[in-house]
Amino acid sequence: MRSGFVSIVGRPNVGKSTLLNTILDRKIAIVSDKAQTTRNNIMGIYHEDDAEIIFIDTPGIHKPQSKLSDAMIETSLTSIQDVDLIVFVVEAFAKEISEEEKIILEKIKKAKKKTILVINKMDLASIAQVARAMELYKNEYEFITIVPMVASKQEDSEILLDEIETNLSEGPLYYDTEEYTDQTMQQLAEEMIREKALKLLRDEVPHGILVEVERMKRRKTMKGEPIYNIEATIYCIRESHKGIIIGKDGEMLKRISTYARQDLEKMLNTKINLKVWVKVKEDWINKDSIVNKFKM
């Protein structure tokens, strides 16, 4: 039995969460084209007959702009020290190593961790670009292997999984074979609502959004079918943002809620009755009492 903990690290939007969802063949990490989508470490557990891999999807390393940003970066970098293996994800069309990636590489070097370099988004790059990216990064660290891939392709993720298993030591089974994440249903619901907000709202609004599920209760319908009543609140940092989130005649909030409910029903395989409100929590991204929740 081979087992171990594997941290997926990289800049925002390089495909870390997409990679984890593909490996697990189910959605546990939200995905959007906006930076800083992942705010805290998300655990995904992959099982095979002779292997168990515990993946940690981490927030992207970025230039800090608030106490929330600081907490996200600290969470991501700390994970490098505490795992058995690193999967460092970069883009196939990279022309240079960014300042954020240099920080990641420095942490990896200090920790002397076995690291696999994943060159993602092969479908968006030419052969020459991929070759240049491989040369660029392999000169920075002695990676155990380099895997060019498209994170959303199952066959590519299987190649990566083989490389990871080969480089893990023999170890125990840490989790029950039916477990696939450490996230609660409440956290999954909060993140699903936030994902829809990220995808539908203007650029200036999403980063100041916090979603909290206030109530979650399981009951049965008149037909005896199970259903979850979920009540949640979207918090934003400014009064002007509240109007944008609600939208004209409540249309934007209705869209966010509808899309979130549909995805939650697929994810949880049960009916969902979702109610969402919007409130202002001034500058919460700089309040320690809230931000500390995002630290490991």
Protein backbone atom coordinates (compact mmCIF):
# COMPACT_ATOMS: atom_id res chain seq x y z
CA MET A 1 0.00 0.00 0.00
CA ARG A 2 1.41 3.37 -1.04
CA SER A 3 0.00 6.47 0.59
CA GLY A 4 0.88 10.07 1.29
CA PHE A 5 -0.01 13.75 1.22
CA VAL A 6 0.45 15.79 -1.96
CA SER A 7 0.19 19.58 -2.17
CA ILE A 8 -0.88 21.21 -5.44
CA VAL A 9 0.72 24.66 -5.65
CA GLY A 10 1.06 27.47 -8.19
CA ARG A 11 -0.10 30.95 -9.14
CA PRO A 12 -3.84 31.77 -9.37
CA ASN A 13 -5.68 30.43 -12.41
CA VAL A 14 -3.08 27.89 -13.53
CA GLY A 15 -5.58 25.02 -13.17
CA LYS A 16 -4.96 23.56 -9.69
CA SER A 17 -8.61 23.12 -8.75
CA THR A 18 -9.53 21.80 -12.21
CA LEU A 19 -6.76 19.22 -11.85
CA LEU A 20 -8.02 18.04 -8.47
CA ASN A 21 -11.62 17.76 -9.70
CA THR A 22 -10.46 15.73 -12.71
CA ILE A 23 -8.37 13.37 -10.58
CA LEU A 24 -11.29 12.70 -8.23
CA ASP A 25 -13.80 12.62 -11.10
CA ARG A 26 -16.09 14.81 -9.03
CA LYS A 27 -16.34 18.47 -8.13
CA ILE A 28 -15.05 19.43 -4.69
CA ALA A 29 -13.17 22.64 -5.56
CA ILE A 30 -14.86 25.59 -7.23
CA VAL A 31 -13.46 26.85 -10.50
CA SER A 32 -13.62 30.25 -12.21
CA ASP A 33 -11.50 32.42 -14.48
CA LYS A 34 -11.06 35.02 -11.74
CA ALA A 35 -7.91 35.11 -9.62
CA GLN A 36 -7.90 34.04 -5.96
CA THR A 37 -10.86 31.68 -6.37
CA THR A 38 -9.49 29.15 -3.85
CA ARG A 39 -9.25 30.81 -0.43
CA ASN A 40 -8.19 27.94 1.83
CA ASN A 41 -6.70 24.48 1.55
CA ILE A 42 -9.12 21.90 0.19
CA MET A 43 -8.47 18.22 0.75
CA GLY A 44 -9.32 15.65 -1.90
CA ILE A 45 -8.79 11.95 -1.26
CA TYR A 46 -8.00 9.60 -4.14
CA HIS A 47 -8.34 5.84 -3.61
CA GLU A 48 -7.06 2.83 -5.53
CA ASP A 49 -6.76 -0.81 -4.43
CA ASP A 50 -3.09 -0.36 -3.57
CA ALA A 51 -2.82 3.41 -3.05
CA GLU A 52 -4.31 6.36 -1.21
CA ILE A 53 -3.30 9.90 -2.17
CA ILE A 54 -4.45 12.86 -0.08
CA PHE A 55 -4.31 15.96 -2.26
CA ILE A 56 -4.24 19.49 -0.84
CA ASP A 57 -5.49 22.12 -3.29
CA THR A 58 -3.99 25.42 -2.14
CA PRO A 59 -4.76 29.11 -2.75
CA GLY A 60 -2.78 30.60 -5.62
CA ILE A 61 0.28 32.62 -4.64
CA HIS A 62 -0.35 36.28 -5.49
CA LYS A 63 0.66 39.77 -4.42
CA PRO A 64 -1.08 40.45 -1.09
CA GLN A 65 -3.69 43.22 -1.12
CA SER A 66 -5.43 42.63 2.23
CA LYS A 67 -5.25 40.58 5.42
CA LEU A 68 -7.28 37.94 3.57
CA SER A 69 -4.57 37.76 0.89
CA ASP A 70 -1.88 37.41 3.57
CA ALA A 71 -3.80 34.53 5.18
CA MET A 72 -4.26 32.75 1.84
CA ILE A 73 -0.55 32.99 0.99
CA GLU A 74 0.49 31.79 4.44
CA THR A 75 -1.88 28.82 4.15
CA SER A 76 -0.52 27.85 0.73
CA LEU A 77 3.17 28.14 1.57
CA THR A 78 2.80 26.28 4.89
CA SER A 79 1.39 23.27 3.03
CA ILE A 80 4.72 22.83 1.21
CA GLN A 81 6.47 21.93 4.46
CA ASP A 82 3.87 19.43 5.66
CA VAL A 83 3.42 17.04 2.73
CA ASP A 84 5.28 14.11 1.16
CA LEU A 85 5.30 15.43 -2.39
CA ILE A 86 4.61 18.66 -4.29
CA VAL A 87 2.80 19.09 -7.60
CA PHE A 88 3.88 22.49 -8.95
CA VAL A 89 1.50 23.67 -11.70
CA VAL A 90 2.59 26.21 -14.33
CA GLU A 91 1.27 27.31 -17.71
CA ALA A 92 2.60 25.89 -20.97
CA PHE A 93 2.89 29.31 -22.59
CA ALA A 94 4.88 30.93 -19.76
CA LYS A 95 7.62 33.23 -21.05
CA GLU A 96 9.25 33.82 -17.68
CA ILE A 97 9.08 32.70 -14.07
CA SER A 98 6.89 35.13 -12.16
CA GLU A 99 7.82 36.67 -8.82
CA GLU A 100 5.11 34.58 -7.17
CA GLU A 101 6.53 31.39 -8.69
CA LYS A 102 10.00 32.33 -7.48
CA ILE A 103 8.59 32.49 -3.94
CA ILE A 104 7.10 29.01 -4.38
CA LEU A 105 10.34 27.61 -5.77
CA GLU A 106 12.32 29.11 -2.90
CA LYS A 107 10.03 27.38 -0.38
CA ILE A 108 10.35 24.07 -2.24
CA LYS A 109 14.15 24.39 -2.29
CA LYS A 110 14.31 25.12 1.43
CA ALA A 111 12.02 22.20 2.22
CA LYS A 112 13.96 19.93 -0.20
CA LYS A 113 10.69 18.32 -1.25
CA LYS A 114 10.22 15.84 -4.06
CA THR A 115 8.37 17.85 -6.70
CA ILE A 116 6.61 17.06 -9.95
CA LEU A 117 6.36 19.93 -12.43
CA VAL A 118 3.02 19.99 -14.25
CA ILE A 119 3.00 22.08 -17.41
CA ASN A 120 -0.71 22.74 -17.86
CA LYS A 121 -2.85 24.18 -20.68
CA MET A 122 -1.03 22.29 -23.42
CA ASP A 123 -4.07 22.82 -25.63
CA LEU A 124 -3.43 26.58 -25.62
CA ALA A 125 0.28 26.49 -26.47
CA SER A 126 2.47 25.56 -29.41
CA ILE A 127 5.10 22.82 -29.25
CA ALA A 128 7.80 25.51 -29.21
CA GLN A 129 6.14 27.29 -26.27
CA VAL A 130 5.88 24.06 -24.28
CA ALA A 131 9.54 23.24 -24.95
CA ARG A 132 10.56 26.73 -23.83
CA ALA A 133 8.51 26.44 -20.63
CA MET A 134 10.04 23.06 -19.81
CA GLU A 135 13.53 24.47 -20.26
CA LEU A 136 12.71 27.57 -18.25
CA TYR A 137 11.54 25.75 -15.12
CA LYS A 138 13.78 22.69 -15.14
CA ASN A 139 16.79 24.98 -14.79
CA GLU A 140 15.41 26.20 -11.46
CA TYR A 141 15.00 22.91 -9.60
CA GLU A 142 15.67 19.21 -9.96
CA PHE A 143 12.11 18.00 -10.49
CA ILE A 144 11.56 14.25 -10.22
CA THR A 145 9.63 14.45 -13.48
CA ILE A 146 7.87 16.92 -15.77
CA VAL A 147 4.32 16.18 -16.93
CA PRO A 148 2.88 18.27 -19.79
CA MET A 149 -0.92 17.98 -19.71
CA VAL A 150 -4.40 19.46 -19.93
CA ALA A 151 -5.80 19.46 -16.39
CA SER A 152 -9.37 18.77 -17.52
CA LYS A 153 -8.43 15.57 -19.42
CA GLN A 154 -8.87 12.34 -17.50
CA GLU A 155 -6.22 10.47 -19.50
CA ASP A 156 -3.66 13.15 -18.68
CA SER A 157 -4.49 13.02 -14.98
CA GLU A 158 -3.93 9.26 -15.01
CA ILE A 159 -0.36 9.78 -16.28
CA LEU A 160 0.23 12.21 -13.41
CA LEU A 161 -1.29 9.78 -10.89
CA ASP A 162 1.10 7.04 -12.01
CA GLU A 163 4.06 9.36 -11.43
CA ILE A 164 2.77 10.36 -7.99
CA GLU A 165 2.18 6.76 -6.87
CA THR A 166 5.66 5.75 -8.03
CA ASN A 167 7.17 8.43 -5.82
CA LEU A 168 5.18 7.77 -2.65
CA SER A 169 6.43 5.44 0.05
CA GLU A 170 4.60 2.53 1.60
CA GLY A 171 2.17 3.75 4.22
CA PRO A 172 -1.15 3.22 6.01
CA LEU A 173 -4.71 3.89 4.89
CA TYR A 174 -5.53 7.29 6.44
CA TYR A 175 -9.18 7.55 5.43
CA ASP A 176 -12.15 5.29 4.78
CA THR A 177 -12.39 4.36 1.09
CA GLU A 178 -15.76 6.14 0.80
CA GLU A 179 -14.33 9.49 1.92
CA TYR A 180 -13.27 11.88 -0.84
CA THR A 181 -12.95 15.28 0.90
CA ASP A 182 -12.69 16.89 4.32
CA GLN A 183 -15.25 19.56 3.40
CA THR A 184 -18.61 19.53 5.13
CA MET A 185 -21.90 19.88 3.25
CA GLN A 186 -22.11 23.40 4.67
CA GLN A 187 -18.72 24.33 3.19
CA LEU A 188 -19.61 22.77 -0.17
CA ALA A 189 -22.82 24.81 -0.27
CA GLU A 190 -20.99 28.03 0.65
CA GLU A 191 -18.37 27.49 -2.03
CA MET A 192 -20.92 26.59 -4.70
CA ILE A 193 -22.81 29.84 -4.10
CA ARG A 194 -19.55 31.79 -4.22
CA GLU A 195 -18.54 30.09 -7.48
CA LYS A 196 -21.74 31.23 -9.18
CA ALA A 197 -21.21 34.74 -7.88
CA LEU A 198 -17.64 34.72 -9.22
CA LYS A 199 -18.86 33.71 -12.66
CA LEU A 200 -21.80 36.11 -12.90
CA LEU A 201 -20.70 39.33 -11.20
CA ARG A 202 -18.52 42.22 -12.37
CA ASP A 203 -14.79 42.00 -11.71
CA GLU A 204 -14.68 44.45 -8.82
CA VAL A 205 -17.29 42.63 -6.70
CA PRO A 206 -16.35 38.90 -6.28
CA HIS A 207 -13.15 39.27 -4.24
CA GLY A 208 -15.09 41.03 -1.49
CA ILE A 209 -17.68 38.28 -1.18
CA LEU A 210 -18.05 35.98 1.80
CA VAL A 211 -20.74 33.29 1.90
CA GLU A 212 -22.01 31.78 5.12
CA VAL A 213 -24.67 29.08 5.44
CA GLU A 214 -26.82 30.07 8.40
CA ARG A 215 -29.09 27.02 8.42
CA MET A 216 -29.09 23.58 6.85
CA LYS A 217 -31.83 21.10 7.70
CA ARG A 218 -32.81 17.78 6.14
CA ARG A 219 -36.50 16.94 5.86
CA LYS A 220 -38.88 15.01 3.63
CA THR A 221 -41.27 16.33 1.00
CA MET A 222 -44.99 15.52 0.87
CA LYS A 223 -44.02 12.59 -1.35
CA GLY A 224 -41.52 11.30 1.22
CA GLU A 225 -38.45 12.36 -0.77
CA PRO A 226 -35.42 13.76 1.11
CA ILE A 227 -34.76 17.49 0.71
CA TYR A 228 -32.36 19.96 2.30
CA ASN A 229 -33.48 23.42 3.35
CA ILE A 230 -30.45 25.71 3.08
CA GLU A 231 -30.41 29.36 4.11
CA ALA A 232 -27.30 31.37 3.24
CA THR A 233 -26.06 34.95 3.28
CA ILE A 234 -23.71 36.61 0.82
CA TYR A 235 -21.68 39.29 2.58
CA CYS A 236 -20.02 42.07 0.59
CA ILE A 237 -17.69 44.88 1.65
CA ARG A 238 -19.63 47.88 0.27
CA GLU A 239 -23.24 49.04 0.03
CA SER A 240 -22.77 49.69 -3.70
CA HIS A 241 -21.81 46.03 -4.20
CA LYS A 242 -25.00 44.86 -2.50
CA GLY A 243 -27.14 46.40 -5.26
CA ILE A 244 -25.00 44.78 -7.96
CA ILE A 245 -25.30 41.33 -6.33
CA ILE A 246 -29.08 41.63 -5.97
CA GLY A 247 -29.52 43.13 -9.43
CA LYS A 248 -32.54 44.81 -10.99
CA ASP A 249 -35.73 43.34 -9.50
CA GLY A 250 -33.55 40.72 -7.77
CA GLU A 251 -32.62 39.04 -11.06
CA MET A 252 -28.86 38.61 -10.39
CA LEU A 253 -29.38 37.07 -6.96
CA LYS A 254 -32.01 34.77 -8.44
CA ARG A 255 -29.55 33.59 -11.12
CA ILE A 256 -26.78 32.99 -8.57
CA SER A 257 -29.17 31.03 -6.32
CA THR A 258 -30.67 28.97 -9.16
CA TYR A 259 -27.32 27.91 -10.64
CA ALA A 260 -25.95 27.11 -7.18
CA ARG A 261 -29.00 25.01 -6.31
CA GLN A 262 -28.80 23.06 -9.56
CA ASP A 263 -25.13 22.18 -9.04
CA LEU A 264 -25.65 21.32 -5.37
CA GLU A 265 -28.46 18.92 -6.30
CA LYS A 266 -26.11 17.15 -8.72
CA MET A 267 -23.26 17.10 -6.22
CA LEU A 268 -25.30 15.89 -3.24
CA ASN A 269 -27.77 13.79 -5.25
CA THR A 270 -30.74 15.23 -3.37
CA LYS A 271 -33.32 17.99 -3.72
CA ILE A 272 -32.30 21.41 -2.40
CA ASN A 273 -34.48 24.32 -1.26
CA LEU A 274 -32.04 27.26 -1.28
CA LYS A 275 -32.69 30.75 0.04
CA VAL A 276 -29.98 33.42 -0.22
CA TRP A 277 -29.80 36.93 1.24
CA VAL A 278 -27.26 39.73 0.74
CA LYS A 279 -25.81 41.86 3.55
CA VAL A 280 -22.94 44.35 3.91
CA LYS A 281 -20.04 43.55 6.22
CA GLU A 282 -17.75 46.56 5.83
CA ASP A 283 -14.13 45.73 4.89
CA TRP A 284 -14.35 42.20 6.29
CA ILE A 285 -11.28 41.19 4.23
CA ASN A 286 -9.14 43.12 6.73
CA LYS A 287 -10.81 41.96 9.94
CA ASP A 288 -8.77 39.42 11.93
CA SER A 289 -11.85 37.77 13.46
CA ILE A 290 -12.97 36.68 9.99
CA VAL A 291 -9.68 36.34 8.13
CA ASN A 292 -8.21 33.99 10.75
CA LYS A 293 -10.76 31.37 9.64
CA PHE A 294 -8.84 31.05 6.37
CA LYS A 295 -5.58 30.17 8.07
CA MET A 296 -4.49 26.56 8.59
